[in-house]
Amino acid sequence: MSTPRQRGPGRPRRVPVEEQRALVLRAARRAFADQGLQGATIEQIARGAGLTRQAVYEQFGDKTALFAQTVAELEELAFRTIAARGSGDADLGLRSWARKNYASMFDFVAAHPEALPVLQEAERAGIPALTRLRSRLAEVYTAASRERWATHGIESGRADTALVAMYFAMTEALVNLSWPGAAPDREAVIDLLTEFTVGGIARLYSHRPDVLARLR
């Protein structure tokens, strides 16, 4: 009785184009976040994606084009995620809403650790994606915060634009801060941001209303 012949390994599965793009973009995020635009290479990105350099070139052209696409996708991801949380929960009061949104920024960075470094690298490379993201989110947050300040009898006017800019700047600075020794509890940092913002503006309104008036 003859023994059935074993089949040799088949040809490698051809990865669909859209899957290739997703693999390359995922590897590109890591490479650009870790190495920067100048340090990252197509070879490194291809290896991280499990593809050939030729496949990367066919999908994206050169490294500059791949970087621009990576930045664009991260900008949109950040906007969709953060804007959705900032514009929701109409029933939340000012302090709860502010705290939720500080927490959302920390959550986003934890879920997408490459996003902020890549967007910051884009700014250094002359692509104002982070500046543009802040401006787009400011429109969403300004409208939402103005409604909540009004329930406290505070007409913030154009001060809201400055407050939203401060909100993002403080959160970006703290979310990846290198602390001496062990980092403090995340919830404590979020509470600090919340009380500093809400309590500070309420105090400003009661003690120095002229400051807000000059921004209206």
N, C-alpha and C. Protein backbone atom coordinates (compact mmCIF):
# COMPACT_ATOMS: atom_id res chain seq x y z
N MET A 1 0.85 -1.19 0.00
CA MET A 1 0.00 0.00 0.00
C MET A 1 0.88 1.24 0.00
N SER A 2 0.67 2.08 -0.94
CA SER A 2 1.53 3.27 -1.06
C SER A 2 1.11 4.32 -0.04
N THR A 3 2.09 5.10 0.39
CA THR A 3 1.85 6.18 1.35
C THR A 3 1.52 7.45 0.59
N PRO A 4 0.44 8.15 0.95
CA PRO A 4 0.10 9.39 0.25
C PRO A 4 1.23 10.42 0.36
N ARG A 5 1.51 11.05 -0.76
CA ARG A 5 2.59 12.03 -0.79
C ARG A 5 2.18 13.30 -0.05
N GLN A 6 3.07 13.77 0.79
CA GLN A 6 2.81 15.01 1.51
C GLN A 6 2.90 16.19 0.55
N ARG A 7 1.97 17.11 0.68
CA ARG A 7 2.02 18.32 -0.14
C ARG A 7 3.06 19.28 0.43
N GLY A 8 3.80 19.85 -0.43
CA GLY A 8 4.77 20.84 0.02
C GLY A 8 4.06 22.12 0.40
N PRO A 9 4.79 23.05 0.98
CA PRO A 9 4.17 24.32 1.36
C PRO A 9 3.66 25.06 0.13
N GLY A 10 2.48 25.63 0.26
CA GLY A 10 1.92 26.37 -0.86
C GLY A 10 2.58 27.73 -1.00
N ARG A 11 2.16 28.46 -2.01
CA ARG A 11 2.69 29.81 -2.20
C ARG A 11 2.18 30.70 -1.08
N PRO A 12 3.02 31.62 -0.63
CA PRO A 12 2.57 32.52 0.45
C PRO A 12 1.29 33.25 0.06
N ARG A 13 0.43 33.41 1.02
CA ARG A 13 -0.82 34.13 0.77
C ARG A 13 -0.51 35.56 0.38
N ARG A 14 -1.12 36.03 -0.68
CA ARG A 14 -0.94 37.42 -1.09
C ARG A 14 -1.83 38.28 -0.20
N VAL A 15 -1.21 39.23 0.48
CA VAL A 15 -1.95 40.09 1.40
C VAL A 15 -2.74 41.11 0.59
N PRO A 16 -4.06 41.20 0.84
CA PRO A 16 -4.87 42.19 0.11
C PRO A 16 -4.32 43.60 0.28
N VAL A 17 -4.57 44.44 -0.69
CA VAL A 17 -4.01 45.79 -0.71
C VAL A 17 -4.39 46.58 0.54
N GLU A 18 -5.67 46.55 0.92
CA GLU A 18 -6.10 47.33 2.08
C GLU A 18 -5.45 46.82 3.36
N GLU A 19 -5.24 45.51 3.44
CA GLU A 19 -4.57 44.97 4.62
C GLU A 19 -3.11 45.39 4.64
N GLN A 20 -2.48 45.40 3.45
CA GLN A 20 -1.11 45.89 3.36
C GLN A 20 -1.00 47.32 3.86
N ARG A 21 -1.93 48.17 3.42
CA ARG A 21 -1.90 49.58 3.84
C ARG A 21 -2.03 49.70 5.35
N ALA A 22 -2.93 48.93 5.93
CA ALA A 22 -3.13 48.98 7.37
C ALA A 22 -1.87 48.51 8.12
N LEU A 23 -1.24 47.46 7.62
CA LEU A 23 -0.01 46.96 8.26
C LEU A 23 1.11 47.98 8.17
N VAL A 24 1.24 48.60 7.01
CA VAL A 24 2.31 49.59 6.82
C VAL A 24 2.06 50.81 7.72
N LEU A 25 0.84 51.30 7.76
CA LEU A 25 0.54 52.48 8.57
C LEU A 25 0.76 52.19 10.05
N ARG A 26 0.42 50.99 10.49
CA ARG A 26 0.63 50.63 11.90
C ARG A 26 2.12 50.61 12.22
N ALA A 27 2.91 50.01 11.31
CA ALA A 27 4.36 49.96 11.51
C ALA A 27 4.97 51.35 11.40
N ALA A 28 4.43 52.18 10.51
CA ALA A 28 4.95 53.53 10.33
C ALA A 28 4.72 54.38 11.58
N ARG A 29 3.56 54.22 12.21
CA ARG A 29 3.30 54.96 13.46
C ARG A 29 4.39 54.67 14.48
N ARG A 30 4.69 53.38 14.65
CA ARG A 30 5.69 53.01 15.65
C ARG A 30 7.06 53.56 15.28
N ALA A 31 7.42 53.42 14.01
CA ALA A 31 8.76 53.85 13.57
C ALA A 31 8.93 55.36 13.69
N PHE A 32 7.94 56.12 13.22
CA PHE A 32 8.05 57.58 13.27
C PHE A 32 7.99 58.09 14.71
N ALA A 33 7.21 57.42 15.57
CA ALA A 33 7.13 57.83 16.98
C ALA A 33 8.46 57.57 17.68
N ASP A 34 9.09 56.44 17.37
CA ASP A 34 10.33 56.06 18.05
C ASP A 34 11.56 56.73 17.46
N GLN A 35 11.60 56.85 16.12
CA GLN A 35 12.81 57.29 15.43
C GLN A 35 12.71 58.68 14.81
N GLY A 36 11.50 59.21 14.71
CA GLY A 36 11.33 60.49 14.03
C GLY A 36 11.34 60.32 12.53
N LEU A 37 11.07 61.39 11.82
CA LEU A 37 11.01 61.33 10.36
C LEU A 37 12.37 60.99 9.76
N GLN A 38 13.42 61.61 10.27
CA GLN A 38 14.74 61.38 9.71
C GLN A 38 15.29 60.01 10.06
N GLY A 39 15.02 59.55 11.27
CA GLY A 39 15.59 58.29 11.72
C GLY A 39 14.90 57.05 11.19
N ALA A 40 13.62 57.12 10.97
CA ALA A 40 12.87 55.95 10.48
C ALA A 40 13.24 55.67 9.02
N THR A 41 13.25 54.40 8.66
CA THR A 41 13.56 54.00 7.28
C THR A 41 12.45 53.13 6.71
N ILE A 42 12.36 53.12 5.40
CA ILE A 42 11.38 52.25 4.73
C ILE A 42 11.68 50.79 5.04
N GLU A 43 12.96 50.43 5.11
CA GLU A 43 13.34 49.06 5.45
C GLU A 43 12.80 48.67 6.83
N GLN A 44 12.96 49.55 7.78
CA GLN A 44 12.48 49.30 9.14
C GLN A 44 10.96 49.17 9.16
N ILE A 45 10.27 50.05 8.44
CA ILE A 45 8.81 50.02 8.40
C ILE A 45 8.31 48.76 7.71
N ALA A 46 8.95 48.39 6.60
CA ALA A 46 8.55 47.18 5.88
C ALA A 46 8.73 45.95 6.76
N ARG A 47 9.84 45.90 7.48
CA ARG A 47 10.09 44.76 8.36
C ARG A 47 9.04 44.71 9.47
N GLY A 48 8.69 45.85 10.02
CA GLY A 48 7.66 45.89 11.06
C GLY A 48 6.30 45.48 10.55
N ALA A 49 6.04 45.73 9.27
CA ALA A 49 4.76 45.37 8.67
C ALA A 49 4.73 43.94 8.15
N GLY A 50 5.92 43.30 8.10
CA GLY A 50 5.99 41.95 7.55
C GLY A 50 5.84 41.93 6.04
N LEU A 51 6.25 43.03 5.38
CA LEU A 51 6.15 43.14 3.93
C LEU A 51 7.51 43.50 3.35
N THR A 52 7.57 43.55 2.04
CA THR A 52 8.81 43.96 1.38
C THR A 52 8.86 45.47 1.23
N ARG A 53 10.07 45.98 1.04
CA ARG A 53 10.20 47.42 0.77
C ARG A 53 9.42 47.81 -0.48
N GLN A 54 9.46 46.92 -1.48
CA GLN A 54 8.76 47.22 -2.73
C GLN A 54 7.27 47.40 -2.49
N ALA A 55 6.70 46.58 -1.60
CA ALA A 55 5.27 46.70 -1.30
C ALA A 55 4.97 48.05 -0.67
N VAL A 56 5.86 48.52 0.19
CA VAL A 56 5.66 49.82 0.83
C VAL A 56 5.74 50.93 -0.22
N TYR A 57 6.74 50.85 -1.08
CA TYR A 57 6.88 51.87 -2.13
C TYR A 57 5.68 51.87 -3.06
N GLU A 58 5.17 50.69 -3.40
CA GLU A 58 4.02 50.60 -4.29
C GLU A 58 2.78 51.23 -3.66
N GLN A 59 2.65 51.09 -2.33
CA GLN A 59 1.46 51.60 -1.65
C GLN A 59 1.54 53.10 -1.39
N PHE A 60 2.74 53.59 -1.04
CA PHE A 60 2.83 54.97 -0.54
C PHE A 60 3.84 55.85 -1.26
N GLY A 61 4.59 55.30 -2.18
CA GLY A 61 5.60 56.13 -2.82
C GLY A 61 6.84 56.19 -1.95
N ASP A 62 7.24 57.38 -1.52
CA ASP A 62 8.44 57.51 -0.72
C ASP A 62 8.11 57.72 0.77
N LYS A 63 9.16 57.87 1.56
CA LYS A 63 8.98 57.99 3.01
C LYS A 63 8.23 59.27 3.37
N THR A 64 8.48 60.34 2.65
CA THR A 64 7.81 61.60 2.93
C THR A 64 6.31 61.47 2.76
N ALA A 65 5.90 60.81 1.68
CA ALA A 65 4.47 60.62 1.44
C ALA A 65 3.86 59.70 2.49
N LEU A 66 4.60 58.68 2.91
CA LEU A 66 4.10 57.77 3.94
C LEU A 66 3.95 58.51 5.27
N PHE A 67 4.91 59.36 5.58
CA PHE A 67 4.82 60.15 6.82
C PHE A 67 3.59 61.05 6.79
N ALA A 68 3.38 61.73 5.66
CA ALA A 68 2.22 62.63 5.54
C ALA A 68 0.92 61.87 5.71
N GLN A 69 0.82 60.67 5.15
CA GLN A 69 -0.39 59.87 5.28
C GLN A 69 -0.57 59.38 6.72
N THR A 70 0.51 59.00 7.36
CA THR A 70 0.45 58.57 8.75
C THR A 70 -0.04 59.69 9.65
N VAL A 71 0.48 60.89 9.43
CA VAL A 71 0.08 62.06 10.21
C VAL A 71 -1.39 62.37 9.98
N ALA A 72 -1.82 62.34 8.72
CA ALA A 72 -3.22 62.65 8.39
C ALA A 72 -4.17 61.68 9.08
N GLU A 73 -3.83 60.39 9.06
CA GLU A 73 -4.72 59.40 9.68
C GLU A 73 -4.77 59.57 11.20
N LEU A 74 -3.64 59.89 11.81
CA LEU A 74 -3.63 60.10 13.26
C LEU A 74 -4.39 61.36 13.65
N GLU A 75 -4.27 62.40 12.84
CA GLU A 75 -5.02 63.62 13.10
C GLU A 75 -6.52 63.35 13.08
N GLU A 76 -6.98 62.60 12.09
CA GLU A 76 -8.40 62.30 11.98
C GLU A 76 -8.85 61.38 13.12
N LEU A 77 -8.03 60.41 13.47
CA LEU A 77 -8.36 59.51 14.57
C LEU A 77 -8.52 60.30 15.87
N ALA A 78 -7.57 61.21 16.13
CA ALA A 78 -7.63 62.01 17.35
C ALA A 78 -8.86 62.90 17.35
N PHE A 79 -9.15 63.52 16.22
CA PHE A 79 -10.30 64.41 16.16
C PHE A 79 -11.60 63.65 16.38
N ARG A 80 -11.77 62.52 15.68
CA ARG A 80 -13.01 61.75 15.82
C ARG A 80 -13.19 61.29 17.27
N THR A 81 -12.14 60.79 17.87
CA THR A 81 -12.24 60.22 19.21
C THR A 81 -12.49 61.30 20.26
N ILE A 82 -11.67 62.34 20.24
CA ILE A 82 -11.75 63.36 21.29
C ILE A 82 -12.95 64.26 21.10
N ALA A 83 -13.27 64.61 19.86
CA ALA A 83 -14.42 65.48 19.61
C ALA A 83 -15.72 64.79 19.99
N ALA A 84 -15.82 63.50 19.72
CA ALA A 84 -17.05 62.78 20.06
C ALA A 84 -17.29 62.80 21.56
N ARG A 85 -16.23 62.67 22.33
CA ARG A 85 -16.39 62.67 23.79
C ARG A 85 -16.64 64.08 24.30
N GLY A 86 -16.03 65.06 23.68
CA GLY A 86 -16.20 66.43 24.15
C GLY A 86 -17.56 67.00 23.87
N SER A 87 -18.20 66.56 22.80
CA SER A 87 -19.49 67.12 22.43
C SER A 87 -20.67 66.35 23.03
N GLY A 88 -20.41 65.21 23.64
CA GLY A 88 -21.48 64.40 24.20
C GLY A 88 -21.80 64.71 25.64
N ASP A 89 -22.65 63.89 26.23
CA ASP A 89 -23.02 64.01 27.65
C ASP A 89 -23.56 65.38 28.01
N ALA A 90 -24.62 65.78 27.31
CA ALA A 90 -25.20 67.10 27.54
C ALA A 90 -25.73 67.26 28.95
N ASP A 91 -26.00 66.14 29.64
CA ASP A 91 -26.57 66.23 30.98
C ASP A 91 -25.50 66.44 32.06
N LEU A 92 -24.22 66.33 31.71
CA LEU A 92 -23.18 66.49 32.71
C LEU A 92 -22.98 67.95 33.08
N GLY A 93 -22.73 68.20 34.35
CA GLY A 93 -22.41 69.54 34.81
C GLY A 93 -20.99 69.91 34.43
N LEU A 94 -20.63 71.15 34.68
CA LEU A 94 -19.34 71.68 34.25
C LEU A 94 -18.16 70.87 34.78
N ARG A 95 -18.12 70.65 36.09
CA ARG A 95 -16.97 69.97 36.68
C ARG A 95 -16.87 68.53 36.19
N SER A 96 -17.99 67.81 36.15
CA SER A 96 -17.97 66.42 35.69
C SER A 96 -17.59 66.34 34.22
N TRP A 97 -18.10 67.28 33.43
CA TRP A 97 -17.78 67.30 32.00
C TRP A 97 -16.30 67.60 31.78
N ALA A 98 -15.77 68.58 32.51
CA ALA A 98 -14.35 68.91 32.37
C ALA A 98 -13.48 67.73 32.77
N ARG A 99 -13.82 67.09 33.86
CA ARG A 99 -13.02 65.96 34.31
C ARG A 99 -13.06 64.81 33.30
N LYS A 100 -14.25 64.56 32.76
CA LYS A 100 -14.39 63.50 31.76
C LYS A 100 -13.50 63.75 30.56
N ASN A 101 -13.40 65.00 30.16
CA ASN A 101 -12.61 65.31 28.97
C ASN A 101 -11.11 65.31 29.24
N TYR A 102 -10.69 65.69 30.43
CA TYR A 102 -9.29 65.49 30.78
C TYR A 102 -8.96 64.00 30.76
N ALA A 103 -9.85 63.19 31.33
CA ALA A 103 -9.63 61.74 31.35
C ALA A 103 -9.60 61.18 29.93
N SER A 104 -10.42 61.73 29.04
CA SER A 104 -10.47 61.25 27.66
C SER A 104 -9.13 61.44 26.96
N MET A 105 -8.47 62.57 27.22
CA MET A 105 -7.17 62.80 26.62
C MET A 105 -6.15 61.76 27.10
N PHE A 106 -6.17 61.47 28.41
CA PHE A 106 -5.27 60.46 28.94
C PHE A 106 -5.60 59.09 28.35
N ASP A 107 -6.89 58.79 28.21
CA ASP A 107 -7.31 57.51 27.63
C ASP A 107 -6.84 57.39 26.18
N PHE A 108 -6.96 58.48 25.43
CA PHE A 108 -6.56 58.44 24.02
C PHE A 108 -5.06 58.17 23.89
N VAL A 109 -4.26 58.84 24.71
CA VAL A 109 -2.81 58.64 24.64
C VAL A 109 -2.45 57.22 25.07
N ALA A 110 -3.15 56.68 26.07
CA ALA A 110 -2.88 55.31 26.50
C ALA A 110 -3.24 54.30 25.41
N ALA A 111 -4.34 54.55 24.70
CA ALA A 111 -4.78 53.64 23.63
C ALA A 111 -3.95 53.80 22.36
N HIS A 112 -3.43 55.00 22.13
CA HIS A 112 -2.67 55.29 20.90
C HIS A 112 -1.39 56.02 21.27
N PRO A 113 -0.43 55.33 21.88
CA PRO A 113 0.77 56.00 22.40
C PRO A 113 1.63 56.65 21.33
N GLU A 114 1.48 56.24 20.07
CA GLU A 114 2.29 56.84 19.01
C GLU A 114 1.73 58.16 18.52
N ALA A 115 0.46 58.44 18.80
CA ALA A 115 -0.21 59.57 18.17
C ALA A 115 0.44 60.91 18.49
N LEU A 116 0.60 61.22 19.75
CA LEU A 116 1.14 62.53 20.13
C LEU A 116 2.58 62.70 19.66
N PRO A 117 3.48 61.71 19.85
CA PRO A 117 4.84 61.89 19.33
C PRO A 117 4.89 62.11 17.82
N VAL A 118 4.05 61.40 17.06
CA VAL A 118 4.06 61.58 15.61
C VAL A 118 3.52 62.96 15.23
N LEU A 119 2.45 63.40 15.88
CA LEU A 119 1.91 64.73 15.59
C LEU A 119 2.88 65.83 15.98
N GLN A 120 3.60 65.64 17.07
CA GLN A 120 4.63 66.61 17.46
C GLN A 120 5.79 66.61 16.46
N GLU A 121 6.16 65.43 15.98
CA GLU A 121 7.20 65.34 14.96
C GLU A 121 6.76 66.03 13.67
N ALA A 122 5.48 65.92 13.35
CA ALA A 122 4.96 66.58 12.16
C ALA A 122 5.12 68.10 12.27
N GLU A 123 4.84 68.65 13.46
CA GLU A 123 5.02 70.09 13.66
C GLU A 123 6.47 70.49 13.41
N ARG A 124 7.40 69.70 13.91
CA ARG A 124 8.81 70.01 13.70
C ARG A 124 9.19 69.91 12.24
N ALA A 125 8.48 69.05 11.50
CA ALA A 125 8.77 68.88 10.07
C ALA A 125 8.03 69.88 9.19
N GLY A 126 7.27 70.79 9.81
CA GLY A 126 6.56 71.81 9.04
C GLY A 126 5.17 71.42 8.61
N ILE A 127 4.62 70.34 9.17
CA ILE A 127 3.24 69.94 8.89
C ILE A 127 2.41 70.31 10.12
N PRO A 128 1.56 71.33 10.04
CA PRO A 128 0.88 71.83 11.25
C PRO A 128 -0.33 71.00 11.66
N ALA A 129 -0.17 69.69 11.70
CA ALA A 129 -1.31 68.81 12.01
C ALA A 129 -1.79 69.00 13.44
N LEU A 130 -0.87 69.14 14.38
CA LEU A 130 -1.26 69.29 15.78
C LEU A 130 -1.92 70.64 16.00
N THR A 131 -1.38 71.67 15.38
CA THR A 131 -2.00 73.00 15.46
C THR A 131 -3.40 72.97 14.88
N ARG A 132 -3.54 72.30 13.74
CA ARG A 132 -4.84 72.19 13.09
C ARG A 132 -5.82 71.39 13.95
N LEU A 133 -5.33 70.32 14.57
CA LEU A 133 -6.17 69.50 15.43
C LEU A 133 -6.67 70.31 16.61
N ARG A 134 -5.80 71.08 17.24
CA ARG A 134 -6.21 71.91 18.37
C ARG A 134 -7.30 72.89 17.94
N SER A 135 -7.14 73.50 16.77
CA SER A 135 -8.13 74.47 16.29
C SER A 135 -9.47 73.81 16.01
N ARG A 136 -9.45 72.64 15.42
CA ARG A 136 -10.69 71.94 15.11
C ARG A 136 -11.40 71.51 16.39
N LEU A 137 -10.63 71.01 17.35
CA LEU A 137 -11.24 70.59 18.61
C LEU A 137 -11.72 71.79 19.41
N ALA A 138 -11.03 72.92 19.27
CA ALA A 138 -11.45 74.11 20.00
C ALA A 138 -12.86 74.54 19.61
N GLU A 139 -13.21 74.39 18.35
CA GLU A 139 -14.57 74.74 17.91
C GLU A 139 -15.61 73.89 18.62
N VAL A 140 -15.31 72.60 18.75
CA VAL A 140 -16.24 71.68 19.41
C VAL A 140 -16.33 71.99 20.90
N TYR A 141 -15.18 72.13 21.53
CA TYR A 141 -15.14 72.31 22.98
C TYR A 141 -15.62 73.70 23.41
N THR A 142 -15.37 74.69 22.59
CA THR A 142 -15.80 76.04 22.95
C THR A 142 -17.31 76.11 23.06
N ALA A 143 -18.00 75.55 22.08
CA ALA A 143 -19.46 75.56 22.10
C ALA A 143 -19.99 74.79 23.31
N ALA A 144 -19.40 73.64 23.59
CA ALA A 144 -19.88 72.81 24.70
C ALA A 144 -19.59 73.46 26.05
N SER A 145 -18.41 74.05 26.20
CA SER A 145 -18.07 74.65 27.50
C SER A 145 -18.86 75.93 27.75
N ARG A 146 -19.13 76.68 26.68
CA ARG A 146 -19.90 77.93 26.85
C ARG A 146 -21.27 77.65 27.44
N GLU A 147 -21.92 76.58 26.99
CA GLU A 147 -23.23 76.21 27.53
C GLU A 147 -23.14 75.90 29.02
N ARG A 148 -22.09 75.22 29.41
CA ARG A 148 -21.96 74.82 30.80
C ARG A 148 -21.57 75.99 31.71
N TRP A 149 -20.74 76.88 31.22
CA TRP A 149 -20.42 78.07 32.02
C TRP A 149 -21.68 78.91 32.23
N ALA A 150 -22.55 78.96 31.24
CA ALA A 150 -23.76 79.77 31.33
C ALA A 150 -24.65 79.30 32.49
N THR A 151 -24.63 78.00 32.79
CA THR A 151 -25.45 77.51 33.90
C THR A 151 -24.94 78.02 35.24
N HIS A 152 -23.69 78.50 35.27
CA HIS A 152 -23.11 79.09 36.49
C HIS A 152 -23.20 80.61 36.46
N GLY A 153 -23.91 81.14 35.47
CA GLY A 153 -24.05 82.58 35.36
C GLY A 153 -22.82 83.27 34.83
N ILE A 154 -21.93 82.52 34.19
CA ILE A 154 -20.68 83.09 33.68
C ILE A 154 -20.76 83.19 32.16
N GLU A 155 -20.66 84.40 31.67
CA GLU A 155 -20.61 84.64 30.22
C GLU A 155 -19.14 84.77 29.83
N SER A 156 -18.61 83.69 29.31
CA SER A 156 -17.16 83.63 29.09
C SER A 156 -16.71 84.32 27.80
N GLY A 157 -17.62 84.45 26.83
CA GLY A 157 -17.26 85.13 25.58
C GLY A 157 -16.07 84.47 24.91
N ARG A 158 -15.16 85.28 24.38
CA ARG A 158 -14.01 84.74 23.66
C ARG A 158 -12.97 84.12 24.58
N ALA A 159 -13.16 84.29 25.88
CA ALA A 159 -12.25 83.63 26.82
C ALA A 159 -12.29 82.12 26.64
N ASP A 160 -13.41 81.60 26.17
CA ASP A 160 -13.51 80.15 25.95
C ASP A 160 -12.43 79.65 25.00
N THR A 161 -12.14 80.41 23.97
CA THR A 161 -11.11 80.00 23.02
C THR A 161 -9.76 79.87 23.72
N ALA A 162 -9.43 80.85 24.56
CA ALA A 162 -8.18 80.79 25.31
C ALA A 162 -8.19 79.64 26.30
N LEU A 163 -9.34 79.42 26.94
CA LEU A 163 -9.43 78.35 27.93
C LEU A 163 -9.25 76.98 27.30
N VAL A 164 -9.82 76.79 26.12
CA VAL A 164 -9.68 75.51 25.43
C VAL A 164 -8.23 75.30 25.02
N ALA A 165 -7.57 76.36 24.54
CA ALA A 165 -6.16 76.26 24.17
C ALA A 165 -5.32 75.87 25.39
N MET A 166 -5.62 76.49 26.53
CA MET A 166 -4.91 76.15 27.76
C MET A 166 -5.18 74.71 28.18
N TYR A 167 -6.42 74.28 28.00
CA TYR A 167 -6.80 72.90 28.34
C TYR A 167 -5.93 71.89 27.58
N PHE A 168 -5.80 72.08 26.28
CA PHE A 168 -5.00 71.15 25.49
C PHE A 168 -3.52 71.25 25.82
N ALA A 169 -3.03 72.47 26.01
CA ALA A 169 -1.61 72.64 26.31
C ALA A 169 -1.24 71.96 27.63
N MET A 170 -2.06 72.17 28.65
CA MET A 170 -1.78 71.55 29.96
C MET A 170 -1.85 70.03 29.88
N THR A 171 -2.86 69.53 29.19
CA THR A 171 -3.02 68.08 29.11
C THR A 171 -1.87 67.45 28.34
N GLU A 172 -1.50 68.05 27.21
CA GLU A 172 -0.38 67.52 26.43
C GLU A 172 0.91 67.52 27.24
N ALA A 173 1.10 68.57 28.05
CA ALA A 173 2.32 68.65 28.85
C ALA A 173 2.36 67.58 29.93
N LEU A 174 1.21 67.28 30.52
CA LEU A 174 1.18 66.36 31.65
C LEU A 174 1.03 64.90 31.26
N VAL A 175 0.42 64.64 30.13
CA VAL A 175 0.04 63.27 29.81
C VAL A 175 1.27 62.38 29.61
N ASN A 176 2.37 62.93 29.10
CA ASN A 176 3.59 62.14 28.92
C ASN A 176 4.76 62.71 29.71
N LEU A 177 4.46 63.42 30.78
CA LEU A 177 5.51 64.04 31.58
C LEU A 177 6.39 62.98 32.24
N SER A 178 7.70 63.21 32.21
CA SER A 178 8.63 62.33 32.91
C SER A 178 8.77 62.83 34.36
N TRP A 179 8.19 62.09 35.27
CA TRP A 179 8.18 62.49 36.67
C TRP A 179 9.45 62.00 37.36
N PRO A 180 9.97 62.79 38.31
CA PRO A 180 11.08 62.26 39.12
C PRO A 180 10.53 61.17 40.04
N GLY A 181 11.12 59.99 39.97
CA GLY A 181 10.60 58.88 40.75
C GLY A 181 9.35 58.31 40.10
N ALA A 182 8.54 57.63 40.87
CA ALA A 182 7.32 57.01 40.35
C ALA A 182 6.31 58.09 39.98
N ALA A 183 5.61 57.87 38.87
CA ALA A 183 4.58 58.82 38.43
C ALA A 183 3.42 58.79 39.42
N PRO A 184 2.79 59.95 39.66
CA PRO A 184 1.63 59.97 40.56
C PRO A 184 0.44 59.25 39.94
N ASP A 185 -0.52 58.97 40.75
CA ASP A 185 -1.74 58.33 40.29
C ASP A 185 -2.40 59.18 39.21
N ARG A 186 -2.79 58.55 38.13
CA ARG A 186 -3.40 59.26 37.02
C ARG A 186 -4.62 60.06 37.44
N GLU A 187 -5.45 59.49 38.31
CA GLU A 187 -6.66 60.17 38.75
C GLU A 187 -6.35 61.44 39.51
N ALA A 188 -5.23 61.44 40.24
CA ALA A 188 -4.84 62.64 40.98
C ALA A 188 -4.47 63.76 40.01
N VAL A 189 -3.79 63.41 38.92
CA VAL A 189 -3.41 64.41 37.92
C VAL A 189 -4.66 64.98 37.25
N ILE A 190 -5.61 64.12 36.94
CA ILE A 190 -6.85 64.56 36.31
C ILE A 190 -7.64 65.47 37.25
N ASP A 191 -7.67 65.12 38.54
CA ASP A 191 -8.34 65.98 39.52
C ASP A 191 -7.65 67.34 39.61
N LEU A 192 -6.32 67.34 39.57
CA LEU A 192 -5.57 68.60 39.61
C LEU A 192 -5.96 69.49 38.44
N LEU A 193 -5.98 68.93 37.24
CA LEU A 193 -6.35 69.69 36.05
C LEU A 193 -7.77 70.23 36.15
N THR A 194 -8.67 69.38 36.63
CA THR A 194 -10.08 69.78 36.73
C THR A 194 -10.26 70.94 37.69
N GLU A 195 -9.70 70.80 38.88
CA GLU A 195 -9.89 71.83 39.89
C GLU A 195 -9.16 73.11 39.53
N PHE A 196 -8.01 72.99 38.92
CA PHE A 196 -7.26 74.17 38.50
C PHE A 196 -8.05 74.96 37.46
N THR A 197 -8.65 74.25 36.52
CA THR A 197 -9.39 74.92 35.45
C THR A 197 -10.71 75.49 35.96
N VAL A 198 -11.56 74.62 36.49
CA VAL A 198 -12.90 75.04 36.89
C VAL A 198 -12.85 76.00 38.08
N GLY A 199 -12.10 75.60 39.11
CA GLY A 199 -12.00 76.45 40.28
C GLY A 199 -11.31 77.77 39.98
N GLY A 200 -10.30 77.71 39.12
CA GLY A 200 -9.57 78.93 38.79
C GLY A 200 -10.42 79.94 38.04
N ILE A 201 -11.20 79.46 37.09
CA ILE A 201 -12.04 80.38 36.32
C ILE A 201 -13.19 80.92 37.17
N ALA A 202 -13.75 80.08 38.02
CA ALA A 202 -14.81 80.55 38.90
C ALA A 202 -14.29 81.64 39.84
N ARG A 203 -13.10 81.44 40.35
CA ARG A 203 -12.49 82.44 41.23
C ARG A 203 -12.19 83.72 40.44
N LEU A 204 -11.69 83.55 39.23
CA LEU A 204 -11.41 84.70 38.39
C LEU A 204 -12.67 85.51 38.15
N TYR A 205 -13.77 84.83 37.89
CA TYR A 205 -15.04 85.51 37.61
C TYR A 205 -15.52 86.29 38.83
N SER A 206 -15.31 85.73 40.03
CA SER A 206 -15.81 86.39 41.23
C SER A 206 -14.86 87.47 41.74
N HIS A 207 -13.55 87.32 41.49
CA HIS A 207 -12.58 88.26 42.05
C HIS A 207 -12.00 89.23 41.00
N ARG A 208 -11.89 88.77 39.74
CA ARG A 208 -11.35 89.65 38.70
C ARG A 208 -12.18 89.54 37.42
N PRO A 209 -13.46 89.90 37.49
CA PRO A 209 -14.31 89.78 36.31
C PRO A 209 -13.84 90.66 35.15
N ASP A 210 -13.02 91.66 35.44
CA ASP A 210 -12.52 92.51 34.37
C ASP A 210 -11.64 91.75 33.38
N VAL A 211 -10.97 90.71 33.88
CA VAL A 211 -10.10 89.92 32.98
C VAL A 211 -10.93 89.23 31.91
N LEU A 212 -12.01 88.56 32.33
CA LEU A 212 -12.90 87.92 31.36
C LEU A 212 -13.58 88.96 30.48
N ALA A 213 -13.96 90.09 31.07
CA ALA A 213 -14.65 91.13 30.30
C ALA A 213 -13.78 91.63 29.16
N ARG A 214 -12.50 91.73 29.39
CA ARG A 214 -11.59 92.22 28.35
C ARG A 214 -11.38 91.23 27.21
N LEU A 215 -11.79 89.96 27.45
CA LEU A 215 -11.65 88.94 26.42
C LEU A 215 -12.95 88.71 25.65
N ARG A 216 -14.00 89.41 26.03
CA ARG A 216 -15.30 89.17 25.37
C ARG A 216 -15.34 89.88 24.02
